[in-house]
Amino acid sequence: MESKVTMKYIRYTPRKANQLLSLIRNKKLNKAFEILSFIRKSVSMTNIIKKMLKNALANVGQLDINYYENFIVKEAWVGQGPTLKRIHPGPRGRGMPIKKRTVHITLVVAQIIKE
């Protein structure tokens, strides 16, 4: 059984988000939560990913914390969203561009089939 969760227009850069997701790809869910709780990246982004993992588990129908070891983060990828373009004052009255990037994050959580 699989569950797919997507969150769009998150104000975070795609490169940094991909670095976080590469740490939890193909890991068990309890190990992914452990990695995210001790990582020294942005706290807001790790909380968003934790929330997405919990939502994916709720979509499967498992709300109990004891079932975390039965699930794996099968896929995790980042898509670049629209870029917010802003102007910052520069030297001699010029405008310097600022690009505020956004991301679309997709997570797929699957149940481990034990045979």
C-alpha atoms as a PDB file:
ATOM      1  CA  MET A   1       0.000   0.000   0.000  1.00  0.00           C
ATOM      2  CA  GLU A   2       1.321   3.407  -1.010  1.00  0.00           C
ATOM      3  CA  SER A   3       0.497   6.965  -0.121  1.00  0.00           C
ATOM      4  CA  LYS A   4       1.571  10.075  -2.027  1.00  0.00           C
ATOM      5  CA  VAL A   5       1.710  13.541  -0.447  1.00  0.00           C
ATOM      6  CA  THR A   6       2.490  16.783  -2.281  1.00  0.00           C
ATOM      7  CA  MET A   7       3.079  20.226  -0.829  1.00  0.00           C
ATOM      8  CA  LYS A   8       3.405  23.195  -3.167  1.00  0.00           C
ATOM      9  CA  TYR A   9       4.759  26.741  -3.055  1.00  0.00           C
ATOM     10  CA  ILE A  10       7.045  26.229  -0.048  1.00  0.00           C
ATOM     11  CA  ARG A  11       9.430  29.165   0.426  1.00  0.00           C
ATOM     12  CA  TYR A  12      12.691  27.227   0.404  1.00  0.00           C
ATOM     13  CA  THR A  13      15.367  26.755  -2.238  1.00  0.00           C
ATOM     14  CA  PRO A  14      15.245  23.566  -4.339  1.00  0.00           C
ATOM     15  CA  ARG A  15      18.895  22.702  -3.763  1.00  0.00           C
ATOM     16  CA  LYS A  16      18.622  22.815   0.028  1.00  0.00           C
ATOM     17  CA  ALA A  17      15.346  20.900  -0.014  1.00  0.00           C
ATOM     18  CA  ASN A  18      16.889  18.191  -2.193  1.00  0.00           C
ATOM     19  CA  GLN A  19      19.798  17.843   0.239  1.00  0.00           C
ATOM     20  CA  LEU A  20      17.311  17.174   3.048  1.00  0.00           C
ATOM     21  CA  LEU A  21      15.268  14.707   1.030  1.00  0.00           C
ATOM     22  CA  SER A  22      18.337  12.770  -0.098  1.00  0.00           C
ATOM     23  CA  LEU A  23      19.005  11.948   3.561  1.00  0.00           C
ATOM     24  CA  ILE A  24      15.642  10.222   4.050  1.00  0.00           C
ATOM     25  CA  ARG A  25      15.163   8.587   0.633  1.00  0.00           C
ATOM     26  CA  ASN A  26      14.752   4.766   0.852  1.00  0.00           C
ATOM     27  CA  LYS A  27      14.840   4.814   4.663  1.00  0.00           C
ATOM     28  CA  LYS A  28      12.349   3.367   7.112  1.00  0.00           C
ATOM     29  CA  LEU A  29       9.935   5.906   8.511  1.00  0.00           C
ATOM     30  CA  ASN A  30      11.199   5.701  12.098  1.00  0.00           C
ATOM     31  CA  LYS A  31      14.781   6.224  10.861  1.00  0.00           C
ATOM     32  CA  ALA A  32      13.636   9.175   8.718  1.00  0.00           C
ATOM     33  CA  PHE A  33      12.027  10.875  11.731  1.00  0.00           C
ATOM     34  CA  GLU A  34      15.206  10.301  13.726  1.00  0.00           C
ATOM     35  CA  ILE A  35      17.380  11.831  10.989  1.00  0.00           C
ATOM     36  CA  LEU A  36      15.087  14.854  10.655  1.00  0.00           C
ATOM     37  CA  SER A  37      15.068  15.504  14.392  1.00  0.00           C
ATOM     38  CA  PHE A  38      18.880  15.688  14.593  1.00  0.00           C
ATOM     39  CA  ILE A  39      19.701  17.443  11.310  1.00  0.00           C
ATOM     40  CA  ARG A  40      21.157  20.944  11.582  1.00  0.00           C
ATOM     41  CA  LYS A  41      19.334  22.433   8.613  1.00  0.00           C
ATOM     42  CA  SER A  42      16.385  24.801   8.734  1.00  0.00           C
ATOM     43  CA  VAL A  43      13.964  23.828  11.498  1.00  0.00           C
ATOM     44  CA  SER A  44      10.955  25.013   9.513  1.00  0.00           C
ATOM     45  CA  MET A  45      11.808  22.751   6.557  1.00  0.00           C
ATOM     46  CA  THR A  46      12.393  19.673   8.714  1.00  0.00           C
ATOM     47  CA  ASN A  47       9.048  20.319  10.434  1.00  0.00           C
ATOM     48  CA  ILE A  48       7.318  20.559   7.045  1.00  0.00           C
ATOM     49  CA  ILE A  49       8.818  17.238   5.938  1.00  0.00           C
ATOM     50  CA  LYS A  50       7.860  15.603   9.243  1.00  0.00           C
ATOM     51  CA  LYS A  51       4.304  16.870   8.813  1.00  0.00           C
ATOM     52  CA  MET A  52       4.214  15.490   5.262  1.00  0.00           C
ATOM     53  CA  LEU A  53       5.422  12.064   6.438  1.00  0.00           C
ATOM     54  CA  LYS A  54       2.750  11.979   9.142  1.00  0.00           C
ATOM     55  CA  ASN A  55       0.095  12.964   6.590  1.00  0.00           C
ATOM     56  CA  ALA A  56       1.236  10.203   4.240  1.00  0.00           C
ATOM     57  CA  LEU A  57       0.967   7.681   7.057  1.00  0.00           C
ATOM     58  CA  ALA A  58      -2.501   8.980   7.952  1.00  0.00           C
ATOM     59  CA  ASN A  59      -3.564   8.646   4.302  1.00  0.00           C
ATOM     60  CA  VAL A  60      -2.652   4.969   4.423  1.00  0.00           C
ATOM     61  CA  GLY A  61      -4.828   4.645   7.510  1.00  0.00           C
ATOM     62  CA  GLN A  62      -2.138   3.987  10.111  1.00  0.00           C
ATOM     63  CA  LEU A  63      -2.142   6.593  12.861  1.00  0.00           C
ATOM     64  CA  ASP A  64      -0.374   4.518  15.495  1.00  0.00           C
ATOM     65  CA  ILE A  65       3.290   5.331  16.095  1.00  0.00           C
ATOM     66  CA  ASN A  66       4.139   1.622  16.452  1.00  0.00           C
ATOM     67  CA  TYR A  67       3.576   1.083  12.733  1.00  0.00           C
ATOM     68  CA  TYR A  68       6.414   3.379  11.647  1.00  0.00           C
ATOM     69  CA  GLU A  69       8.855   0.501  11.200  1.00  0.00           C
ATOM     70  CA  ASN A  70       6.501  -1.136   8.671  1.00  0.00           C
ATOM     71  CA  PHE A  71       6.762   1.780   6.224  1.00  0.00           C
ATOM     72  CA  ILE A  72       9.525   3.159   4.025  1.00  0.00           C
ATOM     73  CA  VAL A  73      10.052   6.470   2.213  1.00  0.00           C
ATOM     74  CA  LYS A  74       9.913   5.004  -1.272  1.00  0.00           C
ATOM     75  CA  GLU A  75      10.321   8.219  -3.276  1.00  0.00           C
ATOM     76  CA  ALA A  76      11.059  11.832  -2.395  1.00  0.00           C
ATOM     77  CA  TRP A  77      11.623  14.522  -4.958  1.00  0.00           C
ATOM     78  CA  VAL A  78      11.664  18.276  -5.364  1.00  0.00           C
ATOM     79  CA  GLY A  79      10.230  20.319  -8.191  1.00  0.00           C
ATOM     80  CA  GLN A  80      11.016  23.971  -8.637  1.00  0.00           C
ATOM     81  CA  GLY A  81       8.074  26.276  -8.164  1.00  0.00           C
ATOM     82  CA  PRO A  82       7.681  29.853  -9.329  1.00  0.00           C
ATOM     83  CA  THR A  83      10.401  32.315  -8.414  1.00  0.00           C
ATOM     84  CA  LEU A  84       9.450  35.563  -6.698  1.00  0.00           C
ATOM     85  CA  LYS A  85      11.486  38.376  -8.213  1.00  0.00           C
ATOM     86  CA  ARG A  86      12.307  41.324  -5.986  1.00  0.00           C
ATOM     87  CA  ILE A  87      14.590  44.355  -6.306  1.00  0.00           C
ATOM     88  CA  HIS A  88      17.179  45.379  -3.709  1.00  0.00           C
ATOM     89  CA  PRO A  89      18.780  48.839  -3.883  1.00  0.00           C
ATOM     90  CA  GLY A  90      22.323  48.674  -5.167  1.00  0.00           C
ATOM     91  CA  PRO A  91      25.183  51.106  -5.614  1.00  0.00           C
ATOM     92  CA  ARG A  92      24.683  54.374  -7.543  1.00  0.00           C
ATOM     93  CA  GLY A  93      20.884  54.048  -7.492  1.00  0.00           C
ATOM     94  CA  ARG A  94      20.734  50.795  -9.390  1.00  0.00           C
ATOM     95  CA  GLY A  95      18.384  47.947  -8.604  1.00  0.00           C
ATOM     96  CA  MET A  96      19.914  44.560  -7.788  1.00  0.00           C
ATOM     97  CA  PRO A  97      17.704  41.515  -8.404  1.00  0.00           C
ATOM     98  CA  ILE A  98      16.761  39.096  -5.622  1.00  0.00           C
ATOM     99  CA  LYS A  99      15.305  35.702  -6.519  1.00  0.00           C
ATOM    100  CA  LYS A 100      13.147  34.145  -3.811  1.00  0.00           C
ATOM    101  CA  ARG A 101      12.671  30.563  -4.907  1.00  0.00           C
ATOM    102  CA  THR A 102       9.838  28.175  -4.064  1.00  0.00           C
ATOM    103  CA  VAL A 103       9.583  24.393  -4.242  1.00  0.00           C
ATOM    104  CA  HIS A 104       7.017  21.671  -4.750  1.00  0.00           C
ATOM    105  CA  ILE A 105       7.840  18.606  -2.614  1.00  0.00           C
ATOM    106  CA  THR A 106       6.403  15.132  -3.241  1.00  0.00           C
ATOM    107  CA  LEU A 107       6.818  12.154  -0.902  1.00  0.00           C
ATOM    108  CA  VAL A 108       5.715   8.567  -1.506  1.00  0.00           C
ATOM    109  CA  VAL A 109       5.472   6.276   1.520  1.00  0.00           C
ATOM    110  CA  ALA A 110       5.032   2.538   0.949  1.00  0.00           C
ATOM    111  CA  GLN A 111       4.412  -0.377   3.248  1.00  0.00           C
ATOM    112  CA  ILE A 112       7.159  -2.974   3.545  1.00  0.00           C
ATOM    113  CA  ILE A 113       5.859  -6.364   2.426  1.00  0.00           C
ATOM    114  CA  LYS A 114       7.190  -9.107   4.670  1.00  0.00           C
ATOM    115  CA  GLU A 115       7.205 -12.596   3.199  1.00  0.00           C
END
